[in-house]
Amino acid sequence: MTHVVLGLGIALVTVSSCVWYLPARADLRAGDDRPVFRRTAAAACLTGWSTAATVSLLLLAGTAWPVPCAMAVTGAAGTAGLRIRARVQRRFEAREVARHWAALEAAPPPHGARQDRARRAFAGLVASGLAAAAAAEVLLVAAGPEDGLEWLVAAAVPAVVVGVFLTLAVTLSRTASGRPTTPGHACAPHEGASGPADAELPNFAIG
């Protein structure tokens, strides 16, 4: 019974986390339209959630504990390796972009600082939600549910926890990535202009 409850809990968490792996799949399908580091990070995301889905199926099938545990460790190692590689690639590409901007103007603009903060806030909240869901699952199973309703609650609570944290993450990330909407506000080159052509707009005098 423990196999089934853990398998259902992991399956519910995996299904409710589609906000992560569906955009990652889109990044991979976009190919060269996405930076290399972003595609590597998308591969890490898909590897992690595919591992979770596989572990869930193994638990529901009632396999011995060493099998899903070995699968989880292998998938976690692969995911961590891809994430580290994505971070290295991102730093390399950022240096390349900065070098190209330095050849065009004296002060290169920061690239996506606000979007980076939004992504970090989103990732932090979702990771906290997954950790809270895992802790709730362990506590509920350790409490020893006695009937079917209690087992159903033990399986559903982690999904509810993840859903709440996902809602908070989406809301806060949208707020953090919002742009100024004041009429007549013009962005200086260091505030997000894509280059000299965006930074200098012609002035037309009337009469």
N, C-alpha and C. Protein backbone atom coordinates (compact mmCIF):
# COMPACT_ATOMS: atom_id res chain seq x y z
N MET A 1 0.82 -1.21 0.00
CA MET A 1 0.00 0.00 0.00
C MET A 1 0.85 1.26 0.00
N THR A 2 1.99 1.21 0.69
CA THR A 2 2.88 2.36 0.71
C THR A 2 3.39 2.69 -0.69
N HIS A 3 3.71 1.63 -1.48
CA HIS A 3 4.14 1.85 -2.86
C HIS A 3 3.09 2.62 -3.64
N VAL A 4 1.83 2.22 -3.49
CA VAL A 4 0.75 2.83 -4.26
C VAL A 4 0.57 4.29 -3.87
N VAL A 5 0.57 4.58 -2.57
CA VAL A 5 0.36 5.96 -2.13
C VAL A 5 1.49 6.87 -2.59
N LEU A 6 2.74 6.41 -2.41
CA LEU A 6 3.87 7.22 -2.87
C LEU A 6 3.84 7.40 -4.38
N GLY A 7 3.49 6.33 -5.09
CA GLY A 7 3.41 6.44 -6.55
C GLY A 7 2.35 7.42 -6.98
N LEU A 8 1.17 7.38 -6.34
CA LEU A 8 0.12 8.34 -6.68
C LEU A 8 0.53 9.77 -6.33
N GLY A 9 1.18 9.94 -5.18
CA GLY A 9 1.63 11.28 -4.80
C GLY A 9 2.62 11.86 -5.79
N ILE A 10 3.60 11.05 -6.18
CA ILE A 10 4.59 11.53 -7.15
C ILE A 10 3.94 11.80 -8.50
N ALA A 11 2.99 10.95 -8.89
CA ALA A 11 2.30 11.16 -10.17
C ALA A 11 1.50 12.45 -10.16
N LEU A 12 0.80 12.74 -9.06
CA LEU A 12 0.04 13.98 -8.97
C LEU A 12 0.94 15.21 -9.00
N VAL A 13 2.07 15.13 -8.30
CA VAL A 13 3.01 16.25 -8.31
C VAL A 13 3.57 16.44 -9.72
N THR A 14 3.88 15.35 -10.40
CA THR A 14 4.43 15.45 -11.75
C THR A 14 3.43 16.07 -12.72
N VAL A 15 2.18 15.63 -12.65
CA VAL A 15 1.15 16.17 -13.55
C VAL A 15 0.91 17.65 -13.27
N SER A 16 0.87 18.03 -12.00
CA SER A 16 0.61 19.42 -11.65
C SER A 16 1.79 20.33 -11.94
N SER A 17 2.95 19.78 -12.25
CA SER A 17 4.14 20.59 -12.55
C SER A 17 4.33 20.79 -14.05
N CYS A 18 3.28 20.64 -14.83
CA CYS A 18 3.38 20.82 -16.29
C CYS A 18 3.80 22.25 -16.65
N VAL A 19 3.64 23.21 -15.72
CA VAL A 19 4.06 24.57 -15.98
C VAL A 19 5.57 24.65 -16.17
N TRP A 20 6.30 23.63 -15.75
CA TRP A 20 7.74 23.57 -15.96
C TRP A 20 8.10 22.81 -17.22
N TYR A 21 7.61 21.57 -17.35
CA TYR A 21 8.15 20.74 -18.42
C TYR A 21 7.51 21.01 -19.79
N LEU A 22 6.32 21.60 -19.85
CA LEU A 22 5.76 21.93 -21.16
C LEU A 22 6.52 23.09 -21.82
N PRO A 23 6.82 24.19 -21.10
CA PRO A 23 7.69 25.22 -21.71
C PRO A 23 9.08 24.68 -22.06
N ALA A 24 9.61 23.77 -21.25
CA ALA A 24 10.92 23.19 -21.56
C ALA A 24 10.86 22.40 -22.87
N ARG A 25 9.78 21.67 -23.06
CA ARG A 25 9.62 20.92 -24.31
C ARG A 25 9.53 21.88 -25.50
N ALA A 26 8.84 23.01 -25.30
CA ALA A 26 8.74 24.00 -26.38
C ALA A 26 10.11 24.60 -26.70
N ASP A 27 10.94 24.82 -25.66
CA ASP A 27 12.29 25.34 -25.90
C ASP A 27 13.12 24.37 -26.73
N LEU A 28 13.00 23.08 -26.42
CA LEU A 28 13.76 22.10 -27.19
C LEU A 28 13.27 22.02 -28.63
N ARG A 29 11.97 22.10 -28.84
CA ARG A 29 11.43 22.02 -30.20
C ARG A 29 11.78 23.26 -31.01
N ALA A 30 12.02 24.40 -30.32
CA ALA A 30 12.36 25.63 -31.04
C ALA A 30 13.75 25.55 -31.67
N GLY A 31 14.60 24.68 -31.16
CA GLY A 31 15.92 24.49 -31.78
C GLY A 31 16.79 25.72 -31.66
N ASP A 32 17.35 26.15 -32.79
CA ASP A 32 18.31 27.26 -32.79
C ASP A 32 17.66 28.60 -32.46
N ASP A 33 16.34 28.66 -32.38
CA ASP A 33 15.69 29.89 -31.97
C ASP A 33 15.90 30.19 -30.49
N ARG A 34 16.39 29.23 -29.74
CA ARG A 34 16.66 29.42 -28.31
C ARG A 34 18.17 29.34 -28.06
N PRO A 35 18.68 30.08 -27.06
CA PRO A 35 20.11 29.96 -26.74
C PRO A 35 20.46 28.54 -26.32
N VAL A 36 21.74 28.21 -26.46
CA VAL A 36 22.19 26.86 -26.13
C VAL A 36 21.95 26.56 -24.66
N PHE A 37 22.26 27.51 -23.77
CA PHE A 37 22.11 27.23 -22.34
C PHE A 37 20.65 26.99 -21.99
N ARG A 38 19.74 27.66 -22.69
CA ARG A 38 18.32 27.47 -22.39
C ARG A 38 17.84 26.09 -22.83
N ARG A 39 18.36 25.62 -23.94
CA ARG A 39 17.99 24.27 -24.39
C ARG A 39 18.57 23.21 -23.46
N THR A 40 19.78 23.45 -22.96
CA THR A 40 20.36 22.51 -22.00
C THR A 40 19.56 22.48 -20.71
N ALA A 41 19.15 23.67 -20.24
CA ALA A 41 18.32 23.72 -19.03
C ALA A 41 16.97 23.04 -19.26
N ALA A 42 16.42 23.18 -20.47
CA ALA A 42 15.16 22.51 -20.78
C ALA A 42 15.35 20.99 -20.77
N ALA A 43 16.48 20.52 -21.28
CA ALA A 43 16.76 19.08 -21.24
C ALA A 43 16.87 18.59 -19.80
N ALA A 44 17.47 19.41 -18.93
CA ALA A 44 17.57 19.03 -17.52
C ALA A 44 16.18 18.95 -16.89
N CYS A 45 15.33 19.91 -17.21
CA CYS A 45 13.97 19.90 -16.68
C CYS A 45 13.20 18.65 -17.11
N LEU A 46 13.28 18.34 -18.39
CA LEU A 46 12.57 17.17 -18.89
C LEU A 46 13.14 15.88 -18.31
N THR A 47 14.45 15.84 -18.12
CA THR A 47 15.07 14.66 -17.52
C THR A 47 14.56 14.44 -16.10
N GLY A 48 14.51 15.53 -15.33
CA GLY A 48 14.04 15.41 -13.95
C GLY A 48 12.61 14.94 -13.84
N TRP A 49 11.72 15.55 -14.63
CA TRP A 49 10.31 15.18 -14.52
C TRP A 49 10.04 13.83 -15.17
N SER A 50 10.80 13.46 -16.19
CA SER A 50 10.66 12.11 -16.74
C SER A 50 11.08 11.07 -15.71
N THR A 51 12.12 11.39 -14.95
CA THR A 51 12.54 10.48 -13.89
C THR A 51 11.45 10.33 -12.84
N ALA A 52 10.83 11.45 -12.47
CA ALA A 52 9.75 11.39 -11.48
C ALA A 52 8.59 10.53 -11.99
N ALA A 53 8.24 10.70 -13.27
CA ALA A 53 7.15 9.90 -13.83
C ALA A 53 7.51 8.42 -13.85
N THR A 54 8.76 8.11 -14.20
CA THR A 54 9.19 6.71 -14.24
C THR A 54 9.18 6.09 -12.84
N VAL A 55 9.67 6.84 -11.86
CA VAL A 55 9.66 6.34 -10.49
C VAL A 55 8.22 6.10 -10.02
N SER A 56 7.32 6.98 -10.40
CA SER A 56 5.92 6.80 -10.04
C SER A 56 5.36 5.51 -10.63
N LEU A 57 5.66 5.25 -11.89
CA LEU A 57 5.17 4.02 -12.52
C LEU A 57 5.77 2.78 -11.86
N LEU A 58 7.05 2.85 -11.52
CA LEU A 58 7.68 1.71 -10.86
C LEU A 58 7.05 1.43 -9.50
N LEU A 59 6.74 2.49 -8.76
CA LEU A 59 6.09 2.30 -7.46
C LEU A 59 4.69 1.74 -7.61
N LEU A 60 3.94 2.26 -8.59
CA LEU A 60 2.58 1.75 -8.80
C LEU A 60 2.61 0.29 -9.27
N ALA A 61 3.68 -0.10 -9.95
CA ALA A 61 3.79 -1.49 -10.40
C ALA A 61 4.22 -2.42 -9.27
N GLY A 62 4.58 -1.85 -8.12
CA GLY A 62 4.95 -2.67 -6.98
C GLY A 62 6.33 -3.27 -7.04
N THR A 63 7.25 -2.65 -7.78
CA THR A 63 8.61 -3.18 -7.86
C THR A 63 9.32 -3.03 -6.51
N ALA A 64 10.38 -3.78 -6.34
CA ALA A 64 11.14 -3.71 -5.09
C ALA A 64 11.77 -2.34 -4.93
N TRP A 65 11.96 -1.92 -3.69
CA TRP A 65 12.44 -0.58 -3.40
C TRP A 65 13.75 -0.22 -4.10
N PRO A 66 14.73 -1.12 -4.21
CA PRO A 66 15.99 -0.72 -4.85
C PRO A 66 15.83 -0.23 -6.28
N VAL A 67 14.82 -0.74 -7.00
CA VAL A 67 14.66 -0.35 -8.42
C VAL A 67 14.25 1.11 -8.55
N PRO A 68 13.14 1.57 -7.93
CA PRO A 68 12.80 2.99 -8.05
C PRO A 68 13.84 3.89 -7.41
N CYS A 69 14.48 3.45 -6.33
CA CYS A 69 15.51 4.27 -5.71
C CYS A 69 16.70 4.47 -6.65
N ALA A 70 17.11 3.40 -7.32
CA ALA A 70 18.22 3.51 -8.27
C ALA A 70 17.83 4.42 -9.44
N MET A 71 16.59 4.32 -9.90
CA MET A 71 16.13 5.17 -10.99
C MET A 71 16.13 6.63 -10.56
N ALA A 72 15.67 6.90 -9.33
CA ALA A 72 15.63 8.27 -8.83
C ALA A 72 17.03 8.87 -8.72
N VAL A 73 17.98 8.07 -8.21
CA VAL A 73 19.35 8.57 -8.07
C VAL A 73 19.97 8.84 -9.44
N THR A 74 19.76 7.92 -10.39
CA THR A 74 20.31 8.10 -11.73
C THR A 74 19.74 9.34 -12.40
N GLY A 75 18.41 9.49 -12.33
CA GLY A 75 17.79 10.67 -12.93
C GLY A 75 18.21 11.96 -12.28
N ALA A 76 18.35 11.95 -10.95
CA ALA A 76 18.79 13.16 -10.25
C ALA A 76 20.21 13.54 -10.64
N ALA A 77 21.07 12.53 -10.80
CA ALA A 77 22.45 12.81 -11.21
C ALA A 77 22.48 13.41 -12.62
N GLY A 78 21.71 12.82 -13.53
CA GLY A 78 21.66 13.36 -14.89
C GLY A 78 21.11 14.77 -14.94
N THR A 79 20.05 15.02 -14.15
CA THR A 79 19.47 16.36 -14.11
C THR A 79 20.46 17.37 -13.56
N ALA A 80 21.15 17.01 -12.48
CA ALA A 80 22.13 17.93 -11.89
C ALA A 80 23.26 18.23 -12.86
N GLY A 81 23.73 17.20 -13.58
CA GLY A 81 24.80 17.41 -14.55
C GLY A 81 24.38 18.37 -15.66
N LEU A 82 23.16 18.21 -16.17
CA LEU A 82 22.68 19.10 -17.22
C LEU A 82 22.49 20.52 -16.71
N ARG A 83 22.01 20.66 -15.47
CA ARG A 83 21.83 21.99 -14.90
C ARG A 83 23.17 22.70 -14.74
N ILE A 84 24.19 21.99 -14.27
CA ILE A 84 25.51 22.59 -14.12
C ILE A 84 26.05 23.01 -15.49
N ARG A 85 25.87 22.14 -16.48
CA ARG A 85 26.33 22.48 -17.81
C ARG A 85 25.60 23.71 -18.36
N ALA A 86 24.29 23.82 -18.09
CA ALA A 86 23.53 24.98 -18.55
C ALA A 86 24.05 26.27 -17.92
N ARG A 87 24.40 26.23 -16.63
CA ARG A 87 24.92 27.42 -15.97
C ARG A 87 26.27 27.83 -16.56
N VAL A 88 27.12 26.85 -16.85
CA VAL A 88 28.41 27.18 -17.47
C VAL A 88 28.20 27.80 -18.85
N GLN A 89 27.30 27.21 -19.63
CA GLN A 89 27.02 27.75 -20.96
C GLN A 89 26.43 29.15 -20.88
N ARG A 90 25.58 29.39 -19.89
CA ARG A 90 24.97 30.71 -19.75
C ARG A 90 26.02 31.78 -19.46
N ARG A 91 26.96 31.48 -18.56
CA ARG A 91 28.01 32.44 -18.25
C ARG A 91 28.88 32.71 -19.48
N PHE A 92 29.19 31.65 -20.22
CA PHE A 92 30.01 31.82 -21.43
C PHE A 92 29.28 32.70 -22.44
N GLU A 93 27.98 32.43 -22.67
CA GLU A 93 27.23 33.21 -23.64
C GLU A 93 27.04 34.65 -23.18
N ALA A 94 26.90 34.87 -21.85
CA ALA A 94 26.79 36.23 -21.34
C ALA A 94 28.07 37.02 -21.59
N ARG A 95 29.21 36.36 -21.41
CA ARG A 95 30.48 37.04 -21.70
C ARG A 95 30.60 37.37 -23.19
N GLU A 96 30.13 36.46 -24.04
CA GLU A 96 30.17 36.72 -25.47
C GLU A 96 29.30 37.92 -25.84
N VAL A 97 28.10 37.99 -25.27
CA VAL A 97 27.19 39.10 -25.55
C VAL A 97 27.80 40.42 -25.06
N ALA A 98 28.36 40.39 -23.84
CA ALA A 98 28.98 41.61 -23.30
C ALA A 98 30.14 42.06 -24.18
N ARG A 99 30.92 41.12 -24.69
CA ARG A 99 32.03 41.48 -25.55
C ARG A 99 31.53 42.09 -26.86
N HIS A 100 30.45 41.56 -27.40
CA HIS A 100 29.91 42.13 -28.64
C HIS A 100 29.37 43.54 -28.41
N TRP A 101 28.68 43.74 -27.27
CA TRP A 101 28.18 45.08 -26.98
C TRP A 101 29.32 46.05 -26.74
N ALA A 102 30.38 45.57 -26.11
CA ALA A 102 31.52 46.46 -25.85
C ALA A 102 32.14 46.96 -27.14
N ALA A 103 32.03 46.19 -28.22
CA ALA A 103 32.55 46.62 -29.50
C ALA A 103 31.67 47.68 -30.16
N LEU A 104 30.40 47.79 -29.70
CA LEU A 104 29.47 48.73 -30.30
C LEU A 104 29.33 50.02 -29.50
N GLU A 105 29.42 49.95 -28.20
CA GLU A 105 29.23 51.12 -27.37
C GLU A 105 30.04 50.96 -26.09
N ALA A 106 30.28 52.06 -25.44
CA ALA A 106 31.16 52.04 -24.26
C ALA A 106 30.54 51.32 -23.09
N ALA A 107 29.24 51.47 -22.89
CA ALA A 107 28.57 50.89 -21.72
C ALA A 107 27.51 49.91 -22.18
N PRO A 108 27.80 48.60 -22.26
CA PRO A 108 26.80 47.62 -22.70
C PRO A 108 25.67 47.52 -21.70
N PRO A 109 24.44 47.40 -22.19
CA PRO A 109 23.30 47.31 -21.28
C PRO A 109 23.22 45.94 -20.63
N PRO A 110 22.69 45.88 -19.43
CA PRO A 110 22.44 44.57 -18.81
C PRO A 110 21.37 43.84 -19.59
N HIS A 111 21.48 42.54 -19.70
CA HIS A 111 20.55 41.76 -20.52
C HIS A 111 19.63 40.93 -19.63
N GLY A 112 18.38 41.34 -19.60
CA GLY A 112 17.38 40.52 -18.92
C GLY A 112 17.55 40.44 -17.42
N ALA A 113 18.02 41.52 -16.76
CA ALA A 113 18.20 41.45 -15.30
C ALA A 113 16.86 41.23 -14.61
N ARG A 114 15.84 41.95 -15.07
CA ARG A 114 14.53 41.79 -14.43
C ARG A 114 13.94 40.41 -14.69
N GLN A 115 14.11 39.91 -15.92
CA GLN A 115 13.62 38.57 -16.22
C GLN A 115 14.37 37.52 -15.40
N ASP A 116 15.67 37.74 -15.15
CA ASP A 116 16.43 36.80 -14.33
C ASP A 116 15.88 36.76 -12.91
N ARG A 117 15.55 37.94 -12.35
CA ARG A 117 14.98 37.96 -11.00
C ARG A 117 13.64 37.23 -10.97
N ALA A 118 12.83 37.43 -12.02
CA ALA A 118 11.54 36.76 -12.06
C ALA A 118 11.70 35.24 -12.13
N ARG A 119 12.68 34.78 -12.93
CA ARG A 119 12.90 33.34 -13.04
C ARG A 119 13.40 32.76 -11.73
N ARG A 120 14.29 33.51 -11.05
CA ARG A 120 14.78 33.00 -9.77
C ARG A 120 13.67 32.92 -8.74
N ALA A 121 12.79 33.95 -8.72
CA ALA A 121 11.67 33.92 -7.77
C ALA A 121 10.74 32.75 -8.07
N PHE A 122 10.46 32.51 -9.35
CA PHE A 122 9.59 31.41 -9.74
C PHE A 122 10.19 30.07 -9.34
N ALA A 123 11.48 29.89 -9.68
CA ALA A 123 12.13 28.62 -9.36
C ALA A 123 12.19 28.38 -7.85
N GLY A 124 12.46 29.44 -7.09
CA GLY A 124 12.53 29.28 -5.64
C GLY A 124 11.21 28.88 -5.03
N LEU A 125 10.11 29.51 -5.49
CA LEU A 125 8.80 29.18 -4.94
C LEU A 125 8.37 27.76 -5.33
N VAL A 126 8.60 27.38 -6.58
CA VAL A 126 8.20 26.04 -7.00
C VAL A 126 9.04 24.98 -6.28
N ALA A 127 10.34 25.25 -6.12
CA ALA A 127 11.16 24.29 -5.38
C ALA A 127 10.70 24.18 -3.92
N SER A 128 10.31 25.31 -3.33
CA SER A 128 9.80 25.27 -1.96
C SER A 128 8.49 24.47 -1.90
N GLY A 129 7.64 24.65 -2.93
CA GLY A 129 6.40 23.90 -2.96
C GLY A 129 6.62 22.40 -3.08
N LEU A 130 7.58 22.01 -3.92
CA LEU A 130 7.87 20.58 -4.06
C LEU A 130 8.43 20.01 -2.76
N ALA A 131 9.30 20.78 -2.10
CA ALA A 131 9.84 20.30 -0.83
C ALA A 131 8.75 20.16 0.22
N ALA A 132 7.84 21.16 0.27
CA ALA A 132 6.74 21.09 1.23
C ALA A 132 5.81 19.92 0.93
N ALA A 133 5.56 19.68 -0.38
CA ALA A 133 4.70 18.55 -0.75
C ALA A 133 5.33 17.22 -0.37
N ALA A 134 6.65 17.10 -0.60
CA ALA A 134 7.34 15.86 -0.23
C ALA A 134 7.30 15.64 1.29
N ALA A 135 7.50 16.73 2.06
CA ALA A 135 7.45 16.60 3.51
C ALA A 135 6.05 16.21 3.99
N ALA A 136 5.02 16.83 3.36
CA ALA A 136 3.66 16.49 3.75
C ALA A 136 3.34 15.02 3.43
N GLU A 137 3.83 14.56 2.28
CA GLU A 137 3.58 13.16 1.90
C GLU A 137 4.22 12.20 2.91
N VAL A 138 5.47 12.50 3.29
CA VAL A 138 6.16 11.64 4.25
C VAL A 138 5.44 11.62 5.59
N LEU A 139 5.02 12.80 6.06
CA LEU A 139 4.33 12.88 7.36
C LEU A 139 2.99 12.15 7.34
N LEU A 140 2.25 12.32 6.24
CA LEU A 140 0.93 11.68 6.16
C LEU A 140 1.06 10.15 6.08
N VAL A 141 2.05 9.68 5.33
CA VAL A 141 2.25 8.23 5.25
C VAL A 141 2.74 7.68 6.59
N ALA A 142 3.63 8.45 7.25
CA ALA A 142 4.14 8.01 8.55
C ALA A 142 3.04 7.95 9.60
N ALA A 143 1.99 8.77 9.42
CA ALA A 143 0.89 8.76 10.39
C ALA A 143 0.07 7.47 10.31
N GLY A 144 0.24 6.71 9.25
CA GLY A 144 -0.44 5.43 9.12
C GLY A 144 -1.93 5.54 8.85
N PRO A 145 -2.33 6.06 7.68
CA PRO A 145 -3.76 6.11 7.35
C PRO A 145 -4.38 4.72 7.44
N GLU A 146 -5.64 4.68 7.89
CA GLU A 146 -6.29 3.40 8.15
C GLU A 146 -7.30 2.99 7.09
N ASP A 147 -8.01 3.95 6.51
CA ASP A 147 -9.02 3.57 5.52
C ASP A 147 -8.70 4.23 4.18
N GLY A 148 -9.56 3.94 3.20
CA GLY A 148 -9.31 4.45 1.85
C GLY A 148 -9.36 5.96 1.75
N LEU A 149 -10.27 6.59 2.51
CA LEU A 149 -10.37 8.05 2.45
C LEU A 149 -9.10 8.71 2.96
N GLU A 150 -8.55 8.18 4.03
CA GLU A 150 -7.33 8.75 4.58
C GLU A 150 -6.15 8.57 3.61
N TRP A 151 -6.11 7.44 2.93
CA TRP A 151 -5.06 7.25 1.93
C TRP A 151 -5.24 8.22 0.76
N LEU A 152 -6.49 8.47 0.38
CA LEU A 152 -6.75 9.42 -0.70
C LEU A 152 -6.31 10.83 -0.31
N VAL A 153 -6.59 11.19 0.94
CA VAL A 153 -6.15 12.51 1.42
C VAL A 153 -4.63 12.60 1.43
N ALA A 154 -3.97 11.51 1.84
CA ALA A 154 -2.51 11.49 1.87
C ALA A 154 -1.92 11.67 0.47
N ALA A 155 -2.63 11.17 -0.53
CA ALA A 155 -2.14 11.31 -1.91
C ALA A 155 -2.48 12.67 -2.51
N ALA A 156 -3.60 13.28 -2.07
CA ALA A 156 -4.05 14.53 -2.69
C ALA A 156 -3.41 15.77 -2.07
N VAL A 157 -3.08 15.72 -0.79
CA VAL A 157 -2.54 16.90 -0.11
C VAL A 157 -1.28 17.43 -0.80
N PRO A 158 -0.29 16.58 -1.15
CA PRO A 158 0.90 17.12 -1.82
C PRO A 158 0.58 17.87 -3.11
N ALA A 159 -0.39 17.35 -3.89
CA ALA A 159 -0.75 18.04 -5.13
C ALA A 159 -1.36 19.41 -4.84
N VAL A 160 -2.18 19.50 -3.79
CA VAL A 160 -2.77 20.79 -3.42
C VAL A 160 -1.68 21.77 -3.00
N VAL A 161 -0.71 21.29 -2.22
CA VAL A 161 0.39 22.15 -1.78
C VAL A 161 1.16 22.69 -2.98
N VAL A 162 1.48 21.80 -3.93
CA VAL A 162 2.21 22.22 -5.12
C VAL A 162 1.38 23.23 -5.93
N GLY A 163 0.07 23.00 -6.04
CA GLY A 163 -0.78 23.92 -6.77
C GLY A 163 -0.78 25.32 -6.16
N VAL A 164 -0.82 25.40 -4.84
CA VAL A 164 -0.79 26.70 -4.17
C VAL A 164 0.52 27.42 -4.44
N PHE A 165 1.64 26.70 -4.30
CA PHE A 165 2.93 27.33 -4.54
C PHE A 165 3.10 27.72 -6.01
N LEU A 166 2.56 26.92 -6.93
CA LEU A 166 2.64 27.28 -8.35
C LEU A 166 1.87 28.56 -8.63
N THR A 167 0.69 28.69 -8.02
CA THR A 167 -0.09 29.91 -8.21
C THR A 167 0.66 31.13 -7.70
N LEU A 168 1.26 31.01 -6.52
CA LEU A 168 2.06 32.10 -5.98
C LEU A 168 3.26 32.42 -6.88
N ALA A 169 3.90 31.36 -7.39
CA ALA A 169 5.08 31.57 -8.23
C ALA A 169 4.73 32.30 -9.51
N VAL A 170 3.63 31.89 -10.16
CA VAL A 170 3.23 32.55 -11.40
C VAL A 170 2.87 34.00 -11.15
N THR A 171 2.13 34.27 -10.07
CA THR A 171 1.72 35.64 -9.76
C THR A 171 2.93 36.52 -9.48
N LEU A 172 3.84 36.05 -8.63
CA LEU A 172 4.99 36.87 -8.27
C LEU A 172 5.96 37.04 -9.43
N SER A 173 6.11 36.00 -10.26
CA SER A 173 7.04 36.13 -11.38
C SER A 173 6.52 37.13 -12.40
N ARG A 174 5.20 37.16 -12.61
CA ARG A 174 4.64 38.16 -13.52
C ARG A 174 4.82 39.56 -12.96
N THR A 175 4.65 39.71 -11.66
CA THR A 175 4.84 41.02 -11.05
C THR A 175 6.29 41.46 -11.15
N ALA A 176 7.21 40.54 -10.91
CA ALA A 176 8.64 40.89 -10.93
C ALA A 176 9.12 41.22 -12.32
N SER A 177 8.51 40.65 -13.36
CA SER A 177 8.97 40.89 -14.73
C SER A 177 8.19 41.98 -15.43
N GLY A 178 7.27 42.68 -14.71
CA GLY A 178 6.48 43.73 -15.33
C GLY A 178 7.33 44.90 -15.75
N ARG A 179 6.93 45.58 -16.83
CA ARG A 179 7.65 46.73 -17.36
C ARG A 179 6.88 47.99 -17.04
N PRO A 180 7.55 49.17 -17.00
CA PRO A 180 6.84 50.43 -16.73
C PRO A 180 5.79 50.69 -17.79
N THR A 181 4.63 51.16 -17.36
CA THR A 181 3.54 51.42 -18.30
C THR A 181 3.17 52.89 -18.33
N THR A 182 4.02 53.80 -17.74
CA THR A 182 3.72 55.21 -17.73
C THR A 182 3.78 55.76 -19.13
N PRO A 183 2.71 56.49 -19.62
CA PRO A 183 2.72 57.02 -20.98
C PRO A 183 3.88 57.99 -21.16
N GLY A 184 4.50 57.91 -22.31
CA GLY A 184 5.57 58.83 -22.63
C GLY A 184 6.91 58.46 -22.05
N HIS A 185 7.00 57.35 -21.31
CA HIS A 185 8.28 56.94 -20.73
C HIS A 185 9.11 56.27 -21.81
N ALA A 186 10.30 56.78 -22.03
CA ALA A 186 11.19 56.22 -23.04
C ALA A 186 12.34 55.54 -22.35
N CYS A 187 12.68 54.35 -22.78
CA CYS A 187 13.77 53.60 -22.18
C CYS A 187 15.10 54.12 -22.70
N ALA A 188 16.00 54.38 -21.77
CA ALA A 188 17.37 54.70 -22.16
C ALA A 188 18.05 53.42 -22.58
N PRO A 189 19.20 53.53 -23.25
CA PRO A 189 19.87 52.30 -23.70
C PRO A 189 20.15 51.33 -22.58
N HIS A 190 20.44 51.86 -21.36
CA HIS A 190 20.75 50.95 -20.26
C HIS A 190 19.51 50.40 -19.59
N GLU A 191 18.28 50.77 -20.04
CA GLU A 191 17.07 50.30 -19.43
C GLU A 191 16.35 49.27 -20.27
N GLY A 192 17.02 48.69 -21.24
CA GLY A 192 16.39 47.60 -21.96
C GLY A 192 16.36 47.78 -23.45
N ALA A 193 16.95 48.87 -23.99
CA ALA A 193 16.98 49.02 -25.43
C ALA A 193 17.82 47.92 -26.02
N SER A 194 17.43 47.46 -27.19
CA SER A 194 18.13 46.33 -27.78
C SER A 194 19.38 46.74 -28.52
N GLY A 195 19.65 48.02 -28.68
CA GLY A 195 20.85 48.44 -29.36
C GLY A 195 20.76 49.90 -29.71
N PRO A 196 21.78 50.44 -30.38
CA PRO A 196 21.79 51.84 -30.72
C PRO A 196 20.59 52.26 -31.54
N ALA A 197 20.09 51.38 -32.41
CA ALA A 197 18.94 51.75 -33.23
C ALA A 197 17.71 51.97 -32.40
N ASP A 198 17.57 51.25 -31.28
CA ASP A 198 16.42 51.44 -30.39
C ASP A 198 16.63 52.60 -29.46
N ALA A 199 17.88 52.98 -29.21
CA ALA A 199 18.14 54.01 -28.22
C ALA A 199 17.97 55.40 -28.80
N GLU A 200 18.12 55.60 -30.12
CA GLU A 200 18.04 56.91 -30.71
C GLU A 200 16.84 56.96 -31.64
N LEU A 201 15.85 57.75 -31.24
CA LEU A 201 14.65 57.90 -32.05
C LEU A 201 14.69 59.28 -32.72
N PRO A 202 14.31 59.41 -33.97
CA PRO A 202 14.37 60.71 -34.66
C PRO A 202 13.33 61.66 -34.10
N ASN A 203 13.67 62.97 -34.05
CA ASN A 203 12.75 64.02 -33.63
C ASN A 203 12.30 64.78 -34.87
N PHE A 204 11.02 64.91 -35.02
CA PHE A 204 10.47 65.64 -36.16
C PHE A 204 9.84 66.92 -35.66
N ALA A 205 10.32 68.05 -36.14
CA ALA A 205 9.76 69.34 -35.75
C ALA A 205 8.68 69.72 -36.74
N ILE A 206 7.59 70.25 -36.24
CA ILE A 206 6.47 70.63 -37.09
C ILE A 206 6.55 72.11 -37.39
N GLY A 207 6.48 72.39 -38.66
CA GLY A 207 6.47 73.80 -39.09
C GLY A 207 7.76 74.51 -38.80
